[in-house]
């Protein structure tokens, strides 16, 4: 995946609070065994940790400004995105939201942007407090995506993904798929408390995978709002393979087999490795939201 070296990045879409401290409240999720349980329950869940029962504290635990806010100073152009993980995240967020703004506009609707918050260790959100152990997530309470960049190392080391820049892009695009679902009114269908291979929770997650694929289909043709040129200039078959590999690595069956030694489909919340690959591939192949009806 390659970005236009000369394109400017919009850092206002990403808030960098890495290194900040959370006033009041505390997250009840820690590392070790508890962290693994949290990952099994909450990875890419699409809703905040409060709904998962993984937090104490609420909106009053919002992050304070960080002295380590690196993206605003360091992430200026596509050239920066080609060399730094945090700048790459900014660029992907820009590209994803450029696409959804365009798509909503074509449908006669208005896309409301969502900000990504980069944090380290733990964070306070409108959905409650959480630690890095829950993985990347979208909070419908404040309509923001939360991401600890250290997760990308765990995606390789703990979950066996091949990694790569587009694996990271897939994660970001998936979470923005949840934001789109929130705007369209479908995200709430995942919050009926049901689990299992045919549950709404799984269908919502698979649809977010499909939406990530739809964005990828259009990534190299979606014009940047400032330059009029695509921010992403190259997306190769190897990049797509990395995305598919990341999708498989976080399938419920793969995670359960790895961490609990058995597969229990009745407790699935995200879908199998094969399903996650299938729906991302469907979105990428067709580039059409109509192909992403996982509720049929």
C-alpha atoms as a PDB file:
ATOM      1  CA  UNK A   1       0.000   0.000   0.000  1.00  0.00           C
ATOM      2  CA  UNK A   2       1.456   3.317  -1.092  1.00  0.00           C
ATOM      3  CA  UNK A   3       0.316   6.869  -0.363  1.00  0.00           C
ATOM      4  CA  UNK A   4       0.782   9.948  -2.504  1.00  0.00           C
ATOM      5  CA  UNK A   5       3.999  11.443  -1.093  1.00  0.00           C
ATOM      6  CA  UNK A   6       2.855  15.002  -1.755  1.00  0.00           C
ATOM      7  CA  UNK A   7      -0.684  14.706  -0.383  1.00  0.00           C
ATOM      8  CA  UNK A   8      -1.473  16.581   2.807  1.00  0.00           C
ATOM      9  CA  UNK A   9      -2.887  14.715   5.813  1.00  0.00           C
ATOM     10  CA  UNK A  10      -5.823  15.948   7.883  1.00  0.00           C
ATOM     11  CA  UNK A  11      -4.716  15.288  11.463  1.00  0.00           C
ATOM     12  CA  UNK A  12      -7.939  16.778  12.856  1.00  0.00           C
ATOM     13  CA  UNK A  13      -9.551  13.373  12.231  1.00  0.00           C
ATOM     14  CA  UNK A  14      -7.163  11.694  14.703  1.00  0.00           C
ATOM     15  CA  UNK A  15      -6.654  12.674  18.340  1.00  0.00           C
ATOM     16  CA  UNK A  16      -3.381  11.522  19.850  1.00  0.00           C
ATOM     17  CA  UNK A  17      -3.609  10.991  23.611  1.00  0.00           C
ATOM     18  CA  UNK A  18      -0.803   8.455  23.944  1.00  0.00           C
ATOM     19  CA  UNK A  19       0.914   8.976  27.244  1.00  0.00           C
ATOM     20  CA  UNK A  20      -1.970  10.900  28.813  1.00  0.00           C
ATOM     21  CA  UNK A  21      -3.455  10.033  32.191  1.00  0.00           C
ATOM     22  CA  UNK A  22      -7.105   9.224  32.839  1.00  0.00           C
ATOM     23  CA  UNK A  23      -8.626  11.327  35.647  1.00  0.00           C
ATOM     24  CA  UNK A  24     -11.097   9.503  37.882  1.00  0.00           C
ATOM     25  CA  UNK A  25     -12.479   6.034  37.274  1.00  0.00           C
ATOM     26  CA  UNK A  26     -10.418   2.976  36.416  1.00  0.00           C
ATOM     27  CA  UNK A  27     -10.623   0.183  33.933  1.00  0.00           C
ATOM     28  CA  UNK A  28     -11.256  -3.249  35.397  1.00  0.00           C
ATOM     29  CA  UNK A  29      -9.588  -5.102  32.556  1.00  0.00           C
ATOM     30  CA  UNK A  30      -5.918  -5.894  32.894  1.00  0.00           C
ATOM     31  CA  UNK A  31      -3.280  -7.938  31.141  1.00  0.00           C
ATOM     32  CA  UNK A  32      -2.486 -11.620  31.528  1.00  0.00           C
ATOM     33  CA  UNK A  33      -5.423 -14.023  31.752  1.00  0.00           C
ATOM     34  CA  UNK A  34      -7.943 -11.241  32.245  1.00  0.00           C
ATOM     35  CA  UNK A  35      -6.635  -9.510  29.144  1.00  0.00           C
ATOM     36  CA  UNK A  36      -6.957 -12.697  27.106  1.00  0.00           C
ATOM     37  CA  UNK A  37     -10.551 -13.140  28.297  1.00  0.00           C
ATOM     38  CA  UNK A  38     -11.249  -9.552  27.342  1.00  0.00           C
ATOM     39  CA  UNK A  39      -9.800 -10.167  23.895  1.00  0.00           C
ATOM     40  CA  UNK A  40     -11.906 -13.293  23.466  1.00  0.00           C
ATOM     41  CA  UNK A  41     -15.033 -11.343  24.342  1.00  0.00           C
ATOM     42  CA  UNK A  42     -14.348  -7.927  22.977  1.00  0.00           C
ATOM     43  CA  UNK A  43     -11.955  -7.871  20.032  1.00  0.00           C
ATOM     44  CA  UNK A  44     -13.472  -5.727  17.251  1.00  0.00           C
ATOM     45  CA  UNK A  45     -16.779  -5.946  19.123  1.00  0.00           C
ATOM     46  CA  UNK A  46     -17.998  -2.741  17.598  1.00  0.00           C
ATOM     47  CA  UNK A  47     -19.449  -1.344  20.806  1.00  0.00           C
ATOM     48  CA  UNK A  48     -17.748   0.182  23.806  1.00  0.00           C
ATOM     49  CA  UNK A  49     -16.398  -1.795  26.754  1.00  0.00           C
ATOM     50  CA  UNK A  50     -19.280  -0.755  29.015  1.00  0.00           C
ATOM     51  CA  UNK A  51     -21.650  -2.926  27.001  1.00  0.00           C
ATOM     52  CA  UNK A  52     -19.211  -5.808  27.432  1.00  0.00           C
ATOM     53  CA  UNK A  53     -19.139  -5.391  31.203  1.00  0.00           C
ATOM     54  CA  UNK A  54     -15.427  -4.622  31.089  1.00  0.00           C
ATOM     55  CA  UNK A  55     -15.341  -1.179  32.641  1.00  0.00           C
ATOM     56  CA  UNK A  56     -16.012   0.997  35.624  1.00  0.00           C
ATOM     57  CA  UNK A  57     -16.370   4.680  35.105  1.00  0.00           C
ATOM     58  CA  UNK A  58     -18.041   6.517  32.270  1.00  0.00           C
ATOM     59  CA  UNK A  59     -17.935   9.779  30.421  1.00  0.00           C
ATOM     60  CA  UNK A  60     -16.202  11.490  33.353  1.00  0.00           C
ATOM     61  CA  UNK A  61     -13.075   9.485  32.526  1.00  0.00           C
ATOM     62  CA  UNK A  62     -12.380  11.276  29.265  1.00  0.00           C
ATOM     63  CA  UNK A  63      -8.679  11.542  28.385  1.00  0.00           C
ATOM     64  CA  UNK A  64      -6.675  14.647  29.187  1.00  0.00           C
ATOM     65  CA  UNK A  65      -4.617  16.337  26.453  1.00  0.00           C
ATOM     66  CA  UNK A  66      -1.375  14.495  25.831  1.00  0.00           C
ATOM     67  CA  UNK A  67       2.109  15.926  25.789  1.00  0.00           C
ATOM     68  CA  UNK A  68       2.930  13.083  23.389  1.00  0.00           C
ATOM     69  CA  UNK A  69       0.529  14.238  20.667  1.00  0.00           C
ATOM     70  CA  UNK A  70       2.882  13.296  17.870  1.00  0.00           C
ATOM     71  CA  UNK A  71       0.566  13.074  14.892  1.00  0.00           C
ATOM     72  CA  UNK A  72      -0.201  16.776  14.677  1.00  0.00           C
ATOM     73  CA  UNK A  73       3.479  17.672  14.496  1.00  0.00           C
ATOM     74  CA  UNK A  74       4.828  14.672  12.593  1.00  0.00           C
ATOM     75  CA  UNK A  75       2.105  13.548  10.184  1.00  0.00           C
ATOM     76  CA  UNK A  76       1.983  16.194   7.483  1.00  0.00           C
ATOM     77  CA  UNK A  77       2.082  14.375   4.152  1.00  0.00           C
ATOM     78  CA  UNK A  78       1.642  11.031   2.457  1.00  0.00           C
ATOM     79  CA  UNK A  79       5.408  10.655   2.633  1.00  0.00           C
ATOM     80  CA  UNK A  80       5.086  10.509   6.434  1.00  0.00           C
ATOM     81  CA  UNK A  81       2.325   7.904   6.083  1.00  0.00           C
ATOM     82  CA  UNK A  82       4.652   5.735   4.019  1.00  0.00           C
ATOM     83  CA  UNK A  83       7.176   5.596   6.859  1.00  0.00           C
ATOM     84  CA  UNK A  84       5.319   5.791  10.209  1.00  0.00           C
ATOM     85  CA  UNK A  85       2.535   3.630  11.683  1.00  0.00           C
ATOM     86  CA  UNK A  86       0.770   6.540  13.378  1.00  0.00           C
ATOM     87  CA  UNK A  87       0.876   8.667  10.230  1.00  0.00           C
ATOM     88  CA  UNK A  88      -0.342   5.677   8.201  1.00  0.00           C
ATOM     89  CA  UNK A  89      -3.330   5.489  10.525  1.00  0.00           C
ATOM     90  CA  UNK A  90      -4.075   9.168   9.889  1.00  0.00           C
ATOM     91  CA  UNK A  91      -3.879   8.604   6.140  1.00  0.00           C
ATOM     92  CA  UNK A  92      -6.131   5.542   6.233  1.00  0.00           C
ATOM     93  CA  UNK A  93      -8.686   7.397   8.362  1.00  0.00           C
ATOM     94  CA  UNK A  94      -8.613  10.249   5.848  1.00  0.00           C
ATOM     95  CA  UNK A  95      -9.058   7.875   2.904  1.00  0.00           C
ATOM     96  CA  UNK A  96     -11.834   5.848   4.542  1.00  0.00           C
ATOM     97  CA  UNK A  97     -13.794   8.949   5.479  1.00  0.00           C
ATOM     98  CA  UNK A  98     -13.284  10.555   2.067  1.00  0.00           C
ATOM     99  CA  UNK A  99     -14.900   7.458   0.582  1.00  0.00           C
ATOM    100  CA  UNK A 100     -17.868   7.392   2.976  1.00  0.00           C
ATOM    101  CA  UNK A 101     -18.501  11.117   2.527  1.00  0.00           C
ATOM    102  CA  UNK A 102     -18.660  10.525  -1.210  1.00  0.00           C
ATOM    103  CA  UNK A 103     -20.863   7.440  -0.873  1.00  0.00           C
ATOM    104  CA  UNK A 104     -23.359   9.132   1.457  1.00  0.00           C
ATOM    105  CA  UNK A 105     -23.451  12.201  -0.793  1.00  0.00           C
ATOM    106  CA  UNK A 106     -24.322  10.048  -3.794  1.00  0.00           C
ATOM    107  CA  UNK A 107     -27.181   8.593  -1.774  1.00  0.00           C
ATOM    108  CA  UNK A 108     -28.498  12.038  -0.883  1.00  0.00           C
ATOM    109  CA  UNK A 109     -27.403  11.681   2.745  1.00  0.00           C
ATOM    110  CA  UNK A 110     -24.841  13.382   4.961  1.00  0.00           C
ATOM    111  CA  UNK A 111     -21.899  11.492   6.441  1.00  0.00           C
ATOM    112  CA  UNK A 112     -20.943  12.594   9.958  1.00  0.00           C
ATOM    113  CA  UNK A 113     -17.167  12.172  10.407  1.00  0.00           C
ATOM    114  CA  UNK A 114     -15.798  10.093  13.261  1.00  0.00           C
ATOM    115  CA  UNK A 115     -12.504  10.773  14.989  1.00  0.00           C
ATOM    116  CA  UNK A 116      -9.970   8.071  15.822  1.00  0.00           C
ATOM    117  CA  UNK A 117      -8.353   8.350  19.244  1.00  0.00           C
ATOM    118  CA  UNK A 118      -4.841   6.907  19.566  1.00  0.00           C
ATOM    119  CA  UNK A 119      -4.144   5.865  23.153  1.00  0.00           C
ATOM    120  CA  UNK A 120      -1.759   3.753  25.160  1.00  0.00           C
ATOM    121  CA  UNK A 121      -2.579   1.283  27.941  1.00  0.00           C
ATOM    122  CA  UNK A 122      -6.018   2.566  28.902  1.00  0.00           C
ATOM    123  CA  UNK A 123      -8.608   5.125  27.939  1.00  0.00           C
ATOM    124  CA  UNK A 124     -11.862   6.690  29.131  1.00  0.00           C
ATOM    125  CA  UNK A 125     -14.732   6.917  26.670  1.00  0.00           C
ATOM    126  CA  UNK A 126     -18.446   7.662  26.597  1.00  0.00           C
ATOM    127  CA  UNK A 127     -18.868   3.863  26.665  1.00  0.00           C
ATOM    128  CA  UNK A 128     -16.784   3.453  29.818  1.00  0.00           C
ATOM    129  CA  UNK A 129     -13.120   2.960  30.598  1.00  0.00           C
ATOM    130  CA  UNK A 130     -11.075   0.301  28.826  1.00  0.00           C
ATOM    131  CA  UNK A 131      -7.557  -0.994  28.513  1.00  0.00           C
ATOM    132  CA  UNK A 132      -5.621  -1.980  25.424  1.00  0.00           C
ATOM    133  CA  UNK A 133      -6.615  -5.584  26.170  1.00  0.00           C
ATOM    134  CA  UNK A 134     -10.034  -5.132  24.559  1.00  0.00           C
ATOM    135  CA  UNK A 135      -8.458  -4.337  21.192  1.00  0.00           C
ATOM    136  CA  UNK A 136      -9.612  -1.628  18.784  1.00  0.00           C
ATOM    137  CA  UNK A 137     -13.249  -0.633  19.225  1.00  0.00           C
ATOM    138  CA  UNK A 138     -15.912   1.834  18.158  1.00  0.00           C
ATOM    139  CA  UNK A 139     -17.918   3.660  20.819  1.00  0.00           C
ATOM    140  CA  UNK A 140     -21.416   4.650  19.641  1.00  0.00           C
ATOM    141  CA  UNK A 141     -21.784   6.886  22.705  1.00  0.00           C
ATOM    142  CA  UNK A 142     -19.271   9.418  21.372  1.00  0.00           C
ATOM    143  CA  UNK A 143     -19.043   8.069  17.790  1.00  0.00           C
ATOM    144  CA  UNK A 144     -15.275   7.633  17.988  1.00  0.00           C
ATOM    145  CA  UNK A 145     -12.847   4.825  17.155  1.00  0.00           C
ATOM    146  CA  UNK A 146     -10.287   3.878  19.824  1.00  0.00           C
ATOM    147  CA  UNK A 147      -6.975   2.286  18.923  1.00  0.00           C
ATOM    148  CA  UNK A 148      -3.740   1.392  20.700  1.00  0.00           C
ATOM    149  CA  UNK A 149      -1.140   1.030  17.957  1.00  0.00           C
ATOM    150  CA  UNK A 150       0.518  -1.729  19.979  1.00  0.00           C
ATOM    151  CA  UNK A 151      -2.343  -3.955  18.873  1.00  0.00           C
ATOM    152  CA  UNK A 152      -0.762  -4.307  15.443  1.00  0.00           C
ATOM    153  CA  UNK A 153       2.267  -5.997  17.012  1.00  0.00           C
ATOM    154  CA  UNK A 154      -0.084  -8.355  18.881  1.00  0.00           C
ATOM    155  CA  UNK A 155      -1.939  -9.105  15.667  1.00  0.00           C
ATOM    156  CA  UNK A 156       1.285 -10.674  14.418  1.00  0.00           C
ATOM    157  CA  UNK A 157       2.786 -12.069  17.621  1.00  0.00           C
ATOM    158  CA  UNK A 158      -0.362 -13.351  19.384  1.00  0.00           C
ATOM    159  CA  UNK A 159      -2.761 -13.996  16.557  1.00  0.00           C
ATOM    160  CA  UNK A 160      -0.380 -15.094  13.817  1.00  0.00           C
ATOM    161  CA  UNK A 161      -1.306 -12.519  11.196  1.00  0.00           C
ATOM    162  CA  UNK A 162       1.248 -11.843   8.476  1.00  0.00           C
ATOM    163  CA  UNK A 163       0.949  -8.149   9.338  1.00  0.00           C
ATOM    164  CA  UNK A 164       1.812  -5.437   6.868  1.00  0.00           C
ATOM    165  CA  UNK A 165       0.462  -1.936   6.291  1.00  0.00           C
ATOM    166  CA  UNK A 166      -2.801  -3.098   4.763  1.00  0.00           C
ATOM    167  CA  UNK A 167      -3.533  -5.389   7.710  1.00  0.00           C
ATOM    168  CA  UNK A 168      -3.526  -2.214   9.776  1.00  0.00           C
ATOM    169  CA  UNK A 169      -5.724  -0.473   7.226  1.00  0.00           C
ATOM    170  CA  UNK A 170      -8.219  -3.358   7.371  1.00  0.00           C
ATOM    171  CA  UNK A 171      -8.547  -2.938  11.142  1.00  0.00           C
ATOM    172  CA  UNK A 172      -9.193   0.791  10.841  1.00  0.00           C
ATOM    173  CA  UNK A 173     -11.650   0.361   7.959  1.00  0.00           C
ATOM    174  CA  UNK A 174     -13.532  -2.329   9.899  1.00  0.00           C
ATOM    175  CA  UNK A 175     -14.050   0.011  12.839  1.00  0.00           C
ATOM    176  CA  UNK A 176     -15.274   2.753  10.509  1.00  0.00           C
ATOM    177  CA  UNK A 177     -17.663   0.156   9.118  1.00  0.00           C
ATOM    178  CA  UNK A 178     -19.245   0.188  12.565  1.00  0.00           C
ATOM    179  CA  UNK A 179     -19.525   3.965  12.416  1.00  0.00           C
ATOM    180  CA  UNK A 180     -21.355   3.657   9.103  1.00  0.00           C
ATOM    181  CA  UNK A 181     -23.665   1.073  10.685  1.00  0.00           C
ATOM    182  CA  UNK A 182     -24.266   3.478  13.551  1.00  0.00           C
ATOM    183  CA  UNK A 183     -25.241   6.242  11.124  1.00  0.00           C
ATOM    184  CA  UNK A 184     -27.495   3.879   9.163  1.00  0.00           C
ATOM    185  CA  UNK A 185     -29.153   2.488  12.297  1.00  0.00           C
ATOM    186  CA  UNK A 186     -27.985  -1.122  11.964  1.00  0.00           C
ATOM    187  CA  UNK A 187     -25.344  -1.205  14.697  1.00  0.00           C
ATOM    188  CA  UNK A 188     -27.943  -1.444  17.453  1.00  0.00           C
ATOM    189  CA  UNK A 189     -29.024  -4.822  16.114  1.00  0.00           C
ATOM    190  CA  UNK A 190     -25.846  -6.311  17.619  1.00  0.00           C
ATOM    191  CA  UNK A 191     -26.845  -5.284  21.136  1.00  0.00           C
ATOM    192  CA  UNK A 192     -29.645  -7.765  21.773  1.00  0.00           C
ATOM    193  CA  UNK A 193     -27.409  -9.836  24.052  1.00  0.00           C
ATOM    194  CA  UNK A 194     -27.411 -12.873  21.763  1.00  0.00           C
ATOM    195  CA  UNK A 195     -24.310 -14.760  20.617  1.00  0.00           C
ATOM    196  CA  UNK A 196     -23.683 -17.618  18.216  1.00  0.00           C
ATOM    197  CA  UNK A 197     -22.849 -18.209  14.580  1.00  0.00           C
ATOM    198  CA  UNK A 198     -26.193 -16.853  13.368  1.00  0.00           C
ATOM    199  CA  UNK A 199     -26.551 -14.025  15.867  1.00  0.00           C
ATOM    200  CA  UNK A 200     -27.006 -10.372  15.039  1.00  0.00           C
ATOM    201  CA  UNK A 201     -23.676  -9.680  16.746  1.00  0.00           C
ATOM    202  CA  UNK A 202     -21.896 -11.863  14.191  1.00  0.00           C
ATOM    203  CA  UNK A 203     -23.892 -10.427  11.280  1.00  0.00           C
ATOM    204  CA  UNK A 204     -22.963  -6.865  12.300  1.00  0.00           C
ATOM    205  CA  UNK A 205     -19.268  -7.766  12.499  1.00  0.00           C
ATOM    206  CA  UNK A 206     -19.293  -9.512   9.131  1.00  0.00           C
ATOM    207  CA  UNK A 207     -21.012  -6.523   7.585  1.00  0.00           C
ATOM    208  CA  UNK A 208     -18.271  -4.251   8.967  1.00  0.00           C
ATOM    209  CA  UNK A 209     -15.741  -6.561   7.308  1.00  0.00           C
ATOM    210  CA  UNK A 210     -17.655  -6.228   4.044  1.00  0.00           C
ATOM    211  CA  UNK A 211     -17.746  -2.436   4.369  1.00  0.00           C
ATOM    212  CA  UNK A 212     -13.972  -2.491   4.864  1.00  0.00           C
ATOM    213  CA  UNK A 213     -13.723  -4.412   1.606  1.00  0.00           C
ATOM    214  CA  UNK A 214     -15.977  -1.915  -0.178  1.00  0.00           C
ATOM    215  CA  UNK A 215     -13.667   0.915   0.872  1.00  0.00           C
ATOM    216  CA  UNK A 216     -10.620  -1.080  -0.307  1.00  0.00           C
ATOM    217  CA  UNK A 217     -12.275  -1.553  -3.720  1.00  0.00           C
ATOM    218  CA  UNK A 218     -12.485   2.235  -4.115  1.00  0.00           C
ATOM    219  CA  UNK A 219      -9.349   3.226  -2.171  1.00  0.00           C
ATOM    220  CA  UNK A 220      -7.167   4.036  -5.167  1.00  0.00           C
ATOM    221  CA  UNK A 221      -9.887   5.973  -6.989  1.00  0.00           C
ATOM    222  CA  UNK A 222     -11.453   8.003  -4.168  1.00  0.00           C
ATOM    223  CA  UNK A 223     -10.263  11.610  -4.544  1.00  0.00           C
ATOM    224  CA  UNK A 224      -8.792  13.454  -1.602  1.00  0.00           C
ATOM    225  CA  UNK A 225     -11.059  16.387  -0.761  1.00  0.00           C
ATOM    226  CA  UNK A 226      -8.168  18.846  -0.859  1.00  0.00           C
ATOM    227  CA  UNK A 227      -6.064  17.750  -3.836  1.00  0.00           C
ATOM    228  CA  UNK A 228      -8.693  15.955  -5.898  1.00  0.00           C
ATOM    229  CA  UNK A 229      -6.225  13.061  -6.300  1.00  0.00           C
ATOM    230  CA  UNK A 230      -6.492   9.673  -4.555  1.00  0.00           C
ATOM    231  CA  UNK A 231      -4.528   9.624  -1.301  1.00  0.00           C
ATOM    232  CA  UNK A 232      -3.736   5.934  -1.819  1.00  0.00           C
ATOM    233  CA  UNK A 233      -1.890   5.423  -5.086  1.00  0.00           C
ATOM    234  CA  UNK A 234      -1.215   1.692  -4.977  1.00  0.00           C
ATOM    235  CA  UNK A 235      -2.939  -1.349  -3.499  1.00  0.00           C
ATOM    236  CA  UNK A 236      -1.448  -4.678  -4.582  1.00  0.00           C
ATOM    237  CA  UNK A 237      -2.732  -8.268  -4.474  1.00  0.00           C
ATOM    238  CA  UNK A 238      -0.185  -8.850  -1.683  1.00  0.00           C
ATOM    239  CA  UNK A 239      -1.802  -6.054   0.323  1.00  0.00           C
ATOM    240  CA  UNK A 240      -5.217  -7.645  -0.058  1.00  0.00           C
ATOM    241  CA  UNK A 241      -3.774 -11.003   1.030  1.00  0.00           C
ATOM    242  CA  UNK A 242      -2.460  -9.324   4.178  1.00  0.00           C
ATOM    243  CA  UNK A 243      -5.935  -7.937   4.841  1.00  0.00           C
ATOM    244  CA  UNK A 244      -7.539 -11.338   4.323  1.00  0.00           C
ATOM    245  CA  UNK A 245      -4.938 -12.927   6.593  1.00  0.00           C
ATOM    246  CA  UNK A 246      -5.683 -10.386   9.326  1.00  0.00           C
ATOM    247  CA  UNK A 247      -9.416 -11.052   8.974  1.00  0.00           C
ATOM    248  CA  UNK A 248      -8.831 -14.784   9.385  1.00  0.00           C
ATOM    249  CA  UNK A 249      -6.514 -14.288  12.369  1.00  0.00           C
ATOM    250  CA  UNK A 250      -9.315 -12.677  14.368  1.00  0.00           C
ATOM    251  CA  UNK A 251     -12.009 -15.185  13.463  1.00  0.00           C
ATOM    252  CA  UNK A 252     -13.833 -16.541  16.511  1.00  0.00           C
ATOM    253  CA  UNK A 253     -12.830 -20.114  15.758  1.00  0.00           C
ATOM    254  CA  UNK A 254      -9.136 -19.232  15.419  1.00  0.00           C
ATOM    255  CA  UNK A 255      -9.127 -17.228  18.652  1.00  0.00           C
ATOM    256  CA  UNK A 256     -11.045 -19.876  20.611  1.00  0.00           C
ATOM    257  CA  UNK A 257      -8.834 -22.700  19.385  1.00  0.00           C
ATOM    258  CA  UNK A 258      -5.720 -20.759  20.285  1.00  0.00           C
ATOM    259  CA  UNK A 259      -6.718 -19.488  23.710  1.00  0.00           C
ATOM    260  CA  UNK A 260      -9.203 -22.055  25.043  1.00  0.00           C
ATOM    261  CA  UNK A 261      -8.265 -25.142  23.028  1.00  0.00           C
ATOM    262  CA  UNK A 262     -11.736 -25.761  21.614  1.00  0.00           C
ATOM    263  CA  UNK A 263     -14.228 -24.095  19.298  1.00  0.00           C
ATOM    264  CA  UNK A 264     -17.648 -23.151  20.707  1.00  0.00           C
ATOM    265  CA  UNK A 265     -19.786 -21.637  17.919  1.00  0.00           C
ATOM    266  CA  UNK A 266     -22.623 -20.867  20.320  1.00  0.00           C
ATOM    267  CA  UNK A 267     -20.474 -18.140  21.912  1.00  0.00           C
ATOM    268  CA  UNK A 268     -19.304 -16.492  18.684  1.00  0.00           C
ATOM    269  CA  UNK A 269     -19.626 -12.728  18.386  1.00  0.00           C
ATOM    270  CA  UNK A 270     -17.628 -12.036  15.215  1.00  0.00           C
ATOM    271  CA  UNK A 271     -17.789 -15.010  12.882  1.00  0.00           C
ATOM    272  CA  UNK A 272     -15.339 -17.658  11.774  1.00  0.00           C
ATOM    273  CA  UNK A 273     -12.060 -17.001   9.990  1.00  0.00           C
ATOM    274  CA  UNK A 274     -13.594 -18.198   6.724  1.00  0.00           C
ATOM    275  CA  UNK A 275     -16.664 -15.974   7.133  1.00  0.00           C
ATOM    276  CA  UNK A 276     -14.607 -12.895   7.889  1.00  0.00           C
ATOM    277  CA  UNK A 277     -12.451 -13.491   4.826  1.00  0.00           C
ATOM    278  CA  UNK A 278     -15.516 -14.205   2.681  1.00  0.00           C
ATOM    279  CA  UNK A 279     -17.282 -10.963   3.578  1.00  0.00           C
ATOM    280  CA  UNK A 280     -14.212  -8.760   3.243  1.00  0.00           C
ATOM    281  CA  UNK A 281     -13.585 -10.373  -0.148  1.00  0.00           C
ATOM    282  CA  UNK A 282     -17.212  -9.816  -1.166  1.00  0.00           C
ATOM    283  CA  UNK A 283     -16.986  -6.112  -0.410  1.00  0.00           C
ATOM    284  CA  UNK A 284     -13.650  -5.819  -2.186  1.00  0.00           C
ATOM    285  CA  UNK A 285     -14.875  -7.685  -5.258  1.00  0.00           C
ATOM    286  CA  UNK A 286     -18.182  -5.841  -5.695  1.00  0.00           C
ATOM    287  CA  UNK A 287     -17.442  -2.424  -4.183  1.00  0.00           C
ATOM    288  CA  UNK A 288     -21.152  -2.100  -3.444  1.00  0.00           C
ATOM    289  CA  UNK A 289     -22.945  -1.689  -0.114  1.00  0.00           C
ATOM    290  CA  UNK A 290     -25.841  -3.720  -1.482  1.00  0.00           C
ATOM    291  CA  UNK A 291     -23.582  -6.775  -1.475  1.00  0.00           C
ATOM    292  CA  UNK A 292     -23.021  -6.432   2.276  1.00  0.00           C
ATOM    293  CA  UNK A 293     -26.465  -7.518   3.507  1.00  0.00           C
ATOM    294  CA  UNK A 294     -25.318 -10.098   6.041  1.00  0.00           C
ATOM    295  CA  UNK A 295     -28.810 -10.139   7.577  1.00  0.00           C
ATOM    296  CA  UNK A 296     -30.430 -11.908   4.620  1.00  0.00           C
END
